[in-house]
Amino acid sequence: MFDFEMAETDEALAALNERGRNVLPGGVCSSTRFNQAWGRPVYASRSQGARFWDIQGREFLDMSMSHGATLLGHGHESLKQVFEKAWELGGLCSLDSPLHIELAEELCRLVPCGERARFTSSGSEATLHALRLCRAASGREKIIRFFGHFHGYHELTFIAGHPPADQLDASPPYRESAGIPQSMAELIVPLPYNDIAALEAAVERHKDEVGTILIEPVDFNCGCILPEPGFLERARELASEHNMVLFFDEIQSFAKKSAGGAQQDFGVTPDICTIGKSLGAGLPLSAILGSAELMDRYKPVGDVAHSGTFNAPLTSILAGLAFVAEIDRPEFWQTIESLAARLFAGLDDIAARSPIPVRFQRHGSRFGIIFGTREPVINYRQSLCHKPETMLEFCRQTTDRGVYFHDYGGGACHHGFSLAHTADDIDRVLEVMDESLQAMG
């Protein structure tokens, strides 16, 4: 029952696409899995290490790596032990175990703000439950957030993240999907990232209404925008001065440059954070970490509800323990840093020679591609120079050469390598990127 046939001919692929559309909207289980560069979904047959094979049997060197979730590589050897142990223990769905406590202890040791932890499956779940806690603790409903940052697809924050240029000043703020009530948008105060003056003014104006300052420390979803010196520090000061909760959404930035995430990288400790994406080594696992005082507002010791049948299934917890064991090894970071140095030196050289204006921005194992400029991009408004059609053509060019970049609908987003990539893989990626840009020019 688990077998399927390869779609080796165009007719077979067309039939598979039609079959998918008949039961899945657009033929996919997630909207962004419809690849606009390909004009159809990317149906995969298998993956291993730094590569995957599509349903036609084509091999791709993967520079998405599950949007950063498979940082150890596809099918890391530790997962075999994870599945075997989960089978031995009977799954333990909807029950806690000493292994849950062990992973929480490890995360609280690694992540600076962590004194208590709670687990969820997805990043969207984590930010949703964390924001409920922030509102309960502060007693204030409004949230300061920043243009360009992404905090999940739920109604609490899928607002004013990536508005069209003509909607930046919309009031109430721009809602990013049909079906989000206007009343939810009225609880959001959106600001430009890296603008200390704007943040100070907003805090002063809304200090009696805003209880949370929500930040994605590295804005990977707009081409990898880093915090300017002093910005995170000033956010920390303002939150403390006005009894607001400083919330770092590190679903993406956790374990990309260090085991402690961006709060370790930049030396600023929030009150609460969410981590995930790579935490489950390819399995669904995210976590909320924060101070004991804040986290103990969750039931059963406090008054904030957080529960769910599939919070932290055993298999995901075991995968989390395997992931932490990997990132706790100095050799892990030596490999990541070596590959990053090789890749980013090459990208700088490629950008300088590219016939098309392009900017590569990076943090740890991931980087952004912004077409339309060669200058640094430090906020969402500046990122709007990006050329989506150029990005889609770039993805088509690299596809033809056997390297996969996820298209993100043409958006300036993020890409990266894994522990499974080799120096030769990085050299091949650089060669393909250079060839593709030269062909486009």
Protein backbone atom coordinates (compact mmCIF):
# COMPACT_ATOMS: atom_id res chain seq x y z
CA MET A 1 0.00 0.00 0.00
CA PHE A 2 3.01 2.31 0.32
CA ASP A 3 4.28 1.82 -3.22
CA PHE A 4 3.81 4.27 -6.08
CA GLU A 5 4.78 4.41 -9.72
CA MET A 6 7.29 6.87 -11.11
CA ALA A 7 5.94 9.39 -13.63
CA GLU A 8 8.71 9.07 -16.16
CA THR A 9 6.82 10.42 -19.19
CA ASP A 10 5.16 13.79 -19.67
CA GLU A 11 1.80 12.04 -20.01
CA ALA A 12 2.27 10.20 -16.71
CA LEU A 13 3.29 13.42 -14.96
CA ALA A 14 0.24 15.25 -16.34
CA ALA A 15 -1.99 12.44 -15.11
CA LEU A 16 -0.42 12.61 -11.64
CA ASN A 17 -0.93 16.38 -11.51
CA GLU A 18 -4.57 15.96 -12.48
CA ARG A 19 -5.02 13.22 -9.90
CA GLY A 20 -3.57 15.49 -7.23
CA ARG A 21 -5.80 18.45 -8.15
CA ASN A 22 -8.86 16.23 -7.89
CA VAL A 23 -8.32 15.64 -4.16
CA LEU A 24 -5.92 18.37 -2.98
CA PRO A 25 -6.48 22.11 -3.64
CA GLY A 26 -3.91 22.91 -6.31
CA GLY A 27 -2.60 19.38 -5.93
CA VAL A 28 -0.64 20.24 -2.77
CA CYS A 29 -0.87 19.98 1.03
CA SER A 30 0.64 23.44 1.58
CA SER A 31 0.09 26.47 -0.63
CA THR A 32 3.77 27.25 -1.23
CA ARG A 33 4.46 23.70 -2.43
CA PHE A 34 3.03 24.69 -5.78
CA ASN A 35 6.26 25.73 -7.47
CA GLN A 36 5.57 28.74 -9.66
CA ALA A 37 8.92 28.39 -11.39
CA TRP A 38 7.99 24.87 -12.48
CA GLY A 39 4.31 25.67 -13.00
CA ARG A 40 3.32 22.61 -10.96
CA PRO A 41 3.99 20.91 -7.63
CA VAL A 42 7.39 19.37 -6.94
CA TYR A 43 6.41 15.75 -6.37
CA ALA A 44 9.37 13.97 -4.81
CA SER A 45 10.07 10.23 -4.81
CA ARG A 46 12.79 10.07 -2.15
CA SER A 47 15.60 12.00 -0.46
CA GLN A 48 18.93 11.28 1.14
CA GLY A 49 21.64 13.51 2.58
CA ALA A 50 21.89 16.71 0.55
CA ARG A 51 19.78 15.44 -2.35
CA PHE A 52 16.27 14.50 -3.41
CA TRP A 53 14.82 12.83 -6.48
CA ASP A 54 11.60 13.92 -8.13
CA ILE A 55 8.86 11.65 -9.45
CA GLN A 56 10.52 11.65 -12.88
CA GLY A 57 13.76 10.31 -11.38
CA ARG A 58 15.73 13.55 -11.70
CA GLU A 59 18.37 14.10 -8.99
CA PHE A 60 18.67 17.52 -7.31
CA LEU A 61 21.28 18.96 -5.01
CA ASP A 62 18.97 20.57 -2.46
CA MET A 63 19.46 24.19 -1.38
CA SER A 64 16.16 24.43 0.45
CA MET A 65 16.59 21.55 2.89
CA SER A 66 12.93 21.67 3.90
CA HIS A 67 13.14 25.45 4.45
CA GLY A 68 15.83 24.79 7.06
CA ALA A 69 14.11 21.93 8.87
CA THR A 70 16.51 19.22 7.69
CA LEU A 71 19.68 20.91 8.90
CA LEU A 72 21.24 17.50 9.57
CA GLY A 73 20.40 16.39 6.03
CA HIS A 74 17.62 14.24 4.66
CA GLY A 75 17.34 10.90 6.44
CA HIS A 76 20.12 11.52 8.96
CA GLU A 77 21.40 8.23 10.39
CA SER A 78 20.17 9.12 13.88
CA LEU A 79 16.56 8.95 12.66
CA LYS A 80 16.80 5.21 12.15
CA GLN A 81 17.52 4.86 15.87
CA VAL A 82 14.70 7.31 16.61
CA PHE A 83 12.14 5.23 14.73
CA GLU A 84 13.40 1.98 16.19
CA LYS A 85 13.22 3.36 19.75
CA ALA A 86 9.76 4.82 19.18
CA TRP A 87 8.59 1.44 17.89
CA GLU A 88 10.11 -0.28 20.92
CA LEU A 89 8.31 2.11 23.30
CA GLY A 90 4.99 1.80 21.50
CA GLY A 91 4.69 5.37 20.28
CA LEU A 92 3.44 6.87 23.56
CA CYS A 93 1.08 9.27 21.81
CA SER A 94 -0.45 11.92 24.10
CA LEU A 95 1.60 10.87 27.12
CA ASP A 96 4.68 12.50 28.62
CA SER A 97 7.79 10.58 29.59
CA PRO A 98 11.21 11.19 31.17
CA LEU A 99 12.45 11.78 27.61
CA HIS A 100 10.24 14.87 27.36
CA ILE A 101 11.80 16.21 30.54
CA GLU A 102 15.28 15.44 29.25
CA LEU A 103 14.77 17.39 26.02
CA ALA A 104 13.29 20.34 27.94
CA GLU A 105 16.33 20.31 30.23
CA GLU A 106 18.68 20.30 27.26
CA LEU A 107 16.91 23.20 25.56
CA CYS A 108 16.82 25.26 28.75
CA ARG A 109 20.57 24.67 29.04
CA LEU A 110 21.25 25.81 25.47
CA VAL A 111 18.85 28.73 24.94
CA PRO A 112 19.63 31.84 27.05
CA CYS A 113 16.03 32.77 27.92
CA GLY A 114 15.00 29.19 28.69
CA GLU A 115 13.98 28.32 32.24
CA ARG A 116 10.84 26.40 31.27
CA ALA A 117 9.75 24.80 27.99
CA ARG A 118 6.53 23.68 26.35
CA PHE A 119 6.37 21.74 23.09
CA THR A 120 4.16 22.06 20.00
CA SER A 121 4.29 20.50 16.56
CA SER A 122 4.45 23.51 14.22
CA GLY A 123 5.90 26.98 14.46
CA SER A 124 2.48 28.51 13.89
CA GLU A 125 1.16 26.63 16.92
CA ALA A 126 4.11 27.79 19.00
CA THR A 127 3.70 31.50 18.23
CA LEU A 128 -0.08 31.31 18.71
CA HIS A 129 0.19 29.77 22.20
CA ALA A 130 3.11 32.00 23.16
CA LEU A 131 1.20 35.16 22.24
CA ARG A 132 -1.75 34.08 24.37
CA LEU A 133 0.68 33.78 27.27
CA CYS A 134 2.20 37.20 26.53
CA ARG A 135 -1.20 38.86 26.56
CA ALA A 136 -2.16 37.18 29.81
CA ALA A 137 1.09 38.22 31.48
CA SER A 138 1.06 41.83 30.28
CA GLY A 139 -2.68 42.41 30.58
CA ARG A 140 -2.55 44.31 27.26
CA GLU A 141 -3.83 43.05 23.92
CA LYS A 142 -1.94 44.95 21.22
CA ILE A 143 1.26 43.61 19.67
CA ILE A 144 4.12 45.53 18.08
CA ARG A 145 5.46 43.55 15.14
CA PHE A 146 7.70 44.37 12.18
CA PHE A 147 7.11 44.49 8.43
CA GLY A 148 8.74 41.56 6.68
CA HIS A 149 8.79 39.23 9.66
CA PHE A 150 6.86 35.96 9.61
CA HIS A 151 5.21 34.45 12.68
CA GLY A 152 2.92 31.77 11.32
CA TYR A 153 -0.34 31.57 9.39
CA HIS A 154 -2.81 32.12 12.23
CA GLU A 155 -5.03 35.16 12.66
CA LEU A 156 -2.97 36.62 15.51
CA THR A 157 -0.03 37.59 13.31
CA PHE A 158 -0.71 36.90 9.61
CA ILE A 159 -1.20 40.63 9.40
CA ALA A 160 1.17 43.34 8.06
CA GLY A 161 4.02 40.92 7.55
CA HIS A 162 4.38 41.25 3.79
CA PRO A 163 1.91 43.87 2.53
CA PRO A 164 2.02 45.27 -1.01
CA ALA A 165 3.91 48.55 -1.28
CA ASP A 166 0.68 50.55 -1.46
CA GLN A 167 -0.61 48.94 1.76
CA LEU A 168 2.32 49.72 4.07
CA ASP A 169 0.40 52.53 5.71
CA ALA A 170 -3.00 50.82 5.69
CA SER A 171 -5.20 51.36 8.72
CA PRO A 172 -6.13 48.89 10.07
CA PRO A 173 -3.02 47.02 8.94
CA TYR A 174 -3.06 44.84 5.84
CA ARG A 175 -4.44 41.31 6.32
CA GLU A 176 -2.42 38.70 4.42
CA SER A 177 -5.26 36.29 3.74
CA ALA A 178 -8.96 36.31 3.14
CA GLY A 179 -10.83 35.16 6.22
CA ILE A 180 -8.90 37.17 8.82
CA PRO A 181 -11.26 39.46 10.76
CA GLN A 182 -10.56 43.19 10.68
CA SER A 183 -10.81 43.17 14.46
CA MET A 184 -7.62 41.09 14.62
CA ALA A 185 -5.75 43.64 12.51
CA GLU A 186 -6.73 46.38 14.91
CA LEU A 187 -4.60 44.68 17.57
CA ILE A 188 -1.41 44.92 15.48
CA VAL A 189 1.01 47.86 15.47
CA PRO A 190 3.37 47.25 12.51
CA LEU A 191 6.73 49.01 12.31
CA PRO A 192 9.80 49.08 10.05
CA TYR A 193 12.57 46.81 11.30
CA ASN A 194 15.85 48.38 12.44
CA ASP A 195 14.20 51.79 13.02
CA ILE A 196 14.88 52.65 16.65
CA ALA A 197 13.13 56.01 16.46
CA ALA A 198 9.95 54.42 15.09
CA LEU A 199 10.03 51.79 17.83
CA GLU A 200 10.52 54.37 20.57
CA ALA A 201 7.67 56.50 19.24
CA ALA A 202 5.30 53.53 18.96
CA VAL A 203 6.07 52.32 22.47
CA GLU A 204 5.40 55.77 23.87
CA ARG A 205 2.19 56.19 21.87
CA HIS A 206 0.77 52.74 22.67
CA LYS A 207 2.33 51.97 26.06
CA ASP A 208 -1.07 51.50 27.69
CA GLU A 209 -2.29 49.13 24.94
CA VAL A 210 0.77 47.19 23.77
CA GLY A 211 1.95 44.33 25.93
CA THR A 212 4.25 42.48 23.52
CA ILE A 213 7.13 43.38 21.22
CA LEU A 214 7.39 40.52 18.71
CA ILE A 215 10.60 40.20 16.69
CA GLU A 216 12.08 37.71 14.27
CA PRO A 217 15.72 38.61 15.08
CA VAL A 218 16.89 37.55 11.64
CA ASP A 219 14.28 38.29 8.99
CA PHE A 220 14.90 35.29 6.76
CA ASN A 221 11.65 35.75 4.83
CA CYS A 222 12.78 38.99 3.18
CA GLY A 223 16.18 37.82 2.03
CA CYS A 224 17.90 37.45 5.41
CA ILE A 225 17.83 40.89 7.03
CA LEU A 226 20.01 41.13 10.13
CA PRO A 227 19.39 43.41 13.11
CA GLU A 228 21.34 46.65 12.95
CA PRO A 229 23.70 47.27 15.90
CA GLY A 230 21.75 48.51 18.90
CA PHE A 231 18.26 47.66 17.66
CA LEU A 232 17.65 44.50 19.65
CA GLU A 233 19.32 46.07 22.68
CA ARG A 234 16.97 49.06 22.53
CA ALA A 235 13.95 46.78 22.15
CA ARG A 236 15.08 44.95 25.29
CA GLU A 237 15.39 48.23 27.20
CA LEU A 238 12.00 49.52 26.08
CA ALA A 239 10.23 46.26 26.95
CA SER A 240 11.73 46.31 30.43
CA GLU A 241 10.96 50.00 30.99
CA HIS A 242 7.29 49.63 30.02
CA ASN A 243 6.57 46.18 31.45
CA MET A 244 6.15 44.66 27.99
CA VAL A 245 7.06 41.10 27.02
CA LEU A 246 9.98 40.89 24.58
CA PHE A 247 9.27 37.90 22.33
CA PHE A 248 11.88 36.56 19.89
CA ASP A 249 10.39 34.27 17.24
CA GLU A 250 13.32 31.95 16.55
CA ILE A 251 11.45 29.22 14.72
CA GLN A 252 13.86 29.79 11.83
CA SER A 253 16.95 31.34 13.46
CA PHE A 254 17.42 28.68 16.14
CA ALA A 255 20.59 26.63 15.60
CA LYS A 256 21.51 28.29 12.33
CA LYS A 257 24.71 29.93 13.62
CA SER A 258 24.90 28.68 17.22
CA ALA A 259 23.15 26.22 19.51
CA GLY A 260 21.58 29.09 21.45
CA GLY A 261 19.99 30.78 18.46
CA ALA A 262 19.99 34.45 17.51
CA GLN A 263 19.71 35.54 21.14
CA GLN A 264 23.10 33.94 21.69
CA ASP A 265 24.44 35.24 18.37
CA PHE A 266 23.55 38.86 19.15
CA GLY A 267 23.78 38.80 22.95
CA VAL A 268 20.23 39.97 23.72
CA THR A 269 17.96 37.80 25.89
CA PRO A 270 14.17 38.03 25.41
CA ASP A 271 11.53 37.11 27.98
CA ILE A 272 10.19 34.35 25.75
CA CYS A 273 11.05 32.73 22.46
CA THR A 274 9.79 30.11 20.06
CA ILE A 275 12.15 27.66 18.38
CA GLY A 276 11.55 24.98 15.80
CA LYS A 277 12.07 24.19 12.13
CA SER A 278 15.33 22.23 12.51
CA LEU A 279 14.63 21.13 16.10
CA GLY A 280 12.94 17.88 15.05
CA ALA A 281 15.65 16.91 12.53
CA GLY A 282 12.95 16.70 9.86
CA LEU A 283 10.10 15.66 12.16
CA PRO A 284 7.45 18.15 13.36
CA LEU A 285 8.61 19.74 16.63
CA SER A 286 8.67 23.28 17.98
CA ALA A 287 8.99 24.70 21.46
CA ILE A 288 8.19 27.74 23.58
CA LEU A 289 10.93 28.75 26.02
CA GLY A 290 10.88 31.51 28.58
CA SER A 291 11.44 32.65 32.13
CA ALA A 292 10.01 30.55 34.94
CA GLU A 293 7.78 33.41 36.07
CA LEU A 294 6.27 33.82 32.64
CA MET A 295 5.99 30.16 31.65
CA ASP A 296 4.40 29.16 34.96
CA ARG A 297 1.34 31.11 33.87
CA TYR A 298 0.50 28.03 31.77
CA LYS A 299 -1.95 25.56 33.27
CA PRO A 300 -1.90 23.47 35.43
CA VAL A 301 0.12 25.88 37.60
CA GLY A 302 -1.28 29.06 36.06
CA ASP A 303 -4.34 30.30 34.21
CA VAL A 304 -3.33 30.14 30.51
CA ALA A 305 -4.54 27.15 28.48
CA HIS A 306 -2.09 25.22 26.34
CA SER A 307 -2.84 21.63 25.44
CA GLY A 308 -3.18 19.28 22.49
CA THR A 309 -3.26 15.59 21.75
CA PHE A 310 -0.24 15.82 19.48
CA ASN A 311 1.92 18.12 21.56
CA ALA A 312 5.34 16.44 21.55
CA PRO A 313 4.69 12.90 20.27
CA LEU A 314 7.44 10.57 21.38
CA THR A 315 8.99 10.16 17.92
CA SER A 316 9.48 13.93 17.61
CA ILE A 317 10.93 14.18 21.11
CA LEU A 318 13.43 11.44 20.30
CA ALA A 319 14.35 13.29 17.10
CA GLY A 320 14.78 16.49 19.13
CA LEU A 321 17.17 14.71 21.47
CA ALA A 322 19.12 13.41 18.48
CA PHE A 323 19.29 16.92 17.01
CA VAL A 324 20.49 18.47 20.27
CA ALA A 325 23.17 15.79 20.56
CA GLU A 326 24.44 16.80 17.12
CA ILE A 327 24.51 20.56 17.69
CA ASP A 328 26.20 20.03 21.05
CA ARG A 329 29.28 18.71 19.28
CA PRO A 330 31.99 21.30 18.48
CA GLU A 331 32.61 19.40 15.24
CA PHE A 332 29.09 20.19 14.08
CA TRP A 333 29.69 23.93 14.18
CA GLN A 334 33.17 23.58 12.70
CA THR A 335 31.61 21.90 9.68
CA ILE A 336 28.82 24.48 9.38
CA GLU A 337 31.25 27.39 9.68
CA SER A 338 33.64 25.86 7.13
CA LEU A 339 30.89 25.30 4.58
CA ALA A 340 29.45 28.76 5.22
CA ALA A 341 32.81 30.43 4.68
CA ARG A 342 33.28 28.57 1.41
CA LEU A 343 29.76 29.31 0.17
CA PHE A 344 29.59 32.96 1.15
CA ALA A 345 33.02 33.84 -0.20
CA GLY A 346 31.88 32.36 -3.49
CA LEU A 347 28.57 34.22 -3.39
CA ASP A 348 30.33 37.54 -2.87
CA ASP A 349 32.46 36.85 -5.94
CA ILE A 350 29.42 35.82 -7.98
CA ALA A 351 27.47 38.93 -6.96
CA ALA A 352 30.33 41.18 -8.00
CA ARG A 353 30.44 39.60 -11.48
CA SER A 354 26.72 39.04 -12.02
CA PRO A 355 25.28 40.82 -15.07
CA ILE A 356 22.04 41.12 -13.07
CA PRO A 357 21.99 43.17 -9.83
CA VAL A 358 21.79 40.68 -6.97
CA ARG A 359 22.42 40.83 -3.24
CA PHE A 360 23.21 37.79 -1.07
CA GLN A 361 22.67 38.24 2.69
CA ARG A 362 23.46 35.50 5.18
CA HIS A 363 23.31 34.23 8.73
CA GLY A 364 24.75 30.90 9.77
CA SER A 365 23.77 28.13 7.39
CA ARG A 366 21.14 30.13 5.47
CA PHE A 367 21.13 33.05 3.08
CA GLY A 368 18.78 35.24 1.10
CA ILE A 369 18.75 36.17 -2.58
CA ILE A 370 17.49 39.67 -3.43
CA PHE A 371 17.34 40.54 -7.13
CA GLY A 372 17.27 44.22 -8.11
CA THR A 373 20.02 45.68 -5.92
CA ARG A 374 23.66 45.24 -4.97
CA GLU A 375 23.32 47.30 -1.79
CA PRO A 376 22.62 46.09 1.77
CA VAL A 377 18.93 45.66 2.62
CA ILE A 378 18.00 46.44 6.22
CA ASN A 379 14.19 46.57 6.19
CA TYR A 380 11.12 45.36 4.35
CA ARG A 381 10.54 48.54 2.36
CA GLN A 382 14.03 48.26 0.88
CA SER A 383 13.43 44.60 0.04
CA LEU A 384 10.54 45.58 -2.22
CA CYS A 385 13.13 46.31 -4.93
CA HIS A 386 13.30 42.53 -5.39
CA LYS A 387 12.27 41.23 -8.83
CA PRO A 388 10.02 38.13 -8.48
CA GLU A 389 10.14 37.19 -12.16
CA THR A 390 13.93 37.26 -12.07
CA MET A 391 13.86 34.91 -9.09
CA LEU A 392 11.54 32.50 -10.89
CA GLU A 393 13.80 32.45 -13.94
CA PHE A 394 16.82 31.86 -11.68
CA CYS A 395 15.03 28.84 -10.19
CA ARG A 396 14.27 27.50 -13.65
CA GLN A 397 17.91 27.91 -14.67
CA THR A 398 19.27 26.13 -11.60
CA THR A 399 16.66 23.38 -11.97
CA ASP A 400 17.94 22.67 -15.48
CA ARG A 401 21.43 22.27 -13.97
CA GLY A 402 20.38 19.94 -11.16
CA VAL A 403 20.33 22.32 -8.18
CA TYR A 404 17.05 23.01 -6.40
CA PHE A 405 16.20 26.42 -4.97
CA HIS A 406 12.66 26.73 -3.64
CA ASP A 407 10.88 29.47 -5.57
CA TYR A 408 8.74 31.02 -2.77
CA GLY A 409 6.47 32.37 -5.49
CA GLY A 410 9.37 34.49 -6.69
CA GLY A 411 9.84 36.16 -3.32
CA ALA A 412 13.07 37.22 -1.66
CA CYS A 413 13.30 34.51 0.92
CA HIS A 414 15.91 32.08 2.24
CA HIS A 415 17.95 29.09 1.15
CA GLY A 416 20.70 27.05 2.73
CA PHE A 417 22.83 23.99 3.17
CA SER A 418 22.97 21.17 5.71
CA LEU A 419 25.47 19.10 7.62
CA ALA A 420 25.18 16.55 4.80
CA HIS A 421 26.55 18.96 2.18
CA THR A 422 30.21 18.58 1.26
CA ALA A 423 32.77 21.09 0.04
CA ASP A 424 32.34 19.61 -3.45
CA ASP A 425 28.57 20.16 -3.18
CA ILE A 426 29.14 23.82 -2.29
CA ASP A 427 31.49 24.24 -5.23
CA ARG A 428 28.88 22.72 -7.55
CA VAL A 429 26.18 25.03 -6.20
CA LEU A 430 28.40 28.06 -6.80
CA GLU A 431 29.20 26.90 -10.32
CA VAL A 432 25.50 26.44 -11.12
CA MET A 433 24.52 29.79 -9.62
CA ASP A 434 27.21 31.55 -11.62
CA GLU A 435 26.26 29.78 -14.85
CA SER A 436 22.60 30.55 -14.30
CA LEU A 437 23.13 34.25 -13.68
CA GLN A 438 25.44 34.56 -16.68
CA ALA A 439 22.84 32.83 -18.86
CA MET A 440 20.15 35.18 -17.58
CA GLY A 441 22.30 38.22 -18.33
